[in-house]
Amino acid sequence: MSRSLGIPRTIALGIIAVLVAPVVQARSWAGAEPQAGTAQTGEQLTKGSDCFSCHAPDHVIVGPAYNAIAKKYAADPAAATRLARRVREGGSGTWGNVRMPPHPDLKDPQTKEIVQWILSLKDVPAARAANVKPYVYALQGGKKVTLDFPLFVEGSDRKVTKEIFRGYALYNSYCYRCHGTDATESELGPNLRHTLETGMTLRQLLAVAMVGREDKGMPSWAGFLSEEEMTSIYRYVKGRSLGLVPVGRPPSETD
């Protein structure tokens, strides 16, 4: 996926906001209130960076949850220094093979405050698994597929949900340049419909999209698109890969 070059991001997102549901606001993390002034600054620095595209306080996105990091290093007096270095230099291995990008522009006091805030989250409870409702759809030829999210408004087999329409709008604002309009075909990037057909999960897509693949010309979208936005894109493309969401602007519940 390549960033749109013709429209500034602020304008593009403003247009999308008119068409689709507002971005889900960040949740308030009960029990994670900062203890002192530097912790609050650390939280602000973290949320103002690209960190929240790959990490969340209570669940895995691409990298580990902050509460898991805090619990792992709670008894390690040297952890703050080591983690601050990892934030600046990047790396992988401790939590898997996905490489965290370096942040060389962060100054030592900033990385220190970020790490102090992360380490203060050891008592944040893990996110509870949602009760997932199955959604069964009939494909061409009579085969049925079960998804853990709805493609269409209840009672309609044509109007897509706000989330799917949002994914359509985001995809055709940013992803289409390399992956083809409406997730069709392109010579610049892989066919995402085929990629999802062969089993790519949301977690795997997030790992590629947020980290990027420099050797293949794929930029990192961390700090530009959120987890929620990428999830909408994934679900839209999933609907396209199944042949259930049509080419072009799909009818939506807001029409």
Foldseek 3Di string as FASTA:
>chain_A
DAADPPDDLVVLVVVLVVVFPDDDDDDDQPPLDDDDDLLVVLVVLCVQFLNQQQEDCAQGQQFYHLLVVLQVCVPPPCVLVVQLVCQQPWQDDPGDDQIDHHDVVDDPSNSSSNSVSSNSSNPGYHDDDDDFDWDWDAFPPGDIDIDRDFQADPPDLFAGESLLLSLLSVCQNGVCVQQNRLLDHHPRHDRVLVVVVVPDDLSNVSSCQQRHDVVSPGDHCRVPDHSSNSVSNNVNSPCVSRVSADGDRTHHPVD
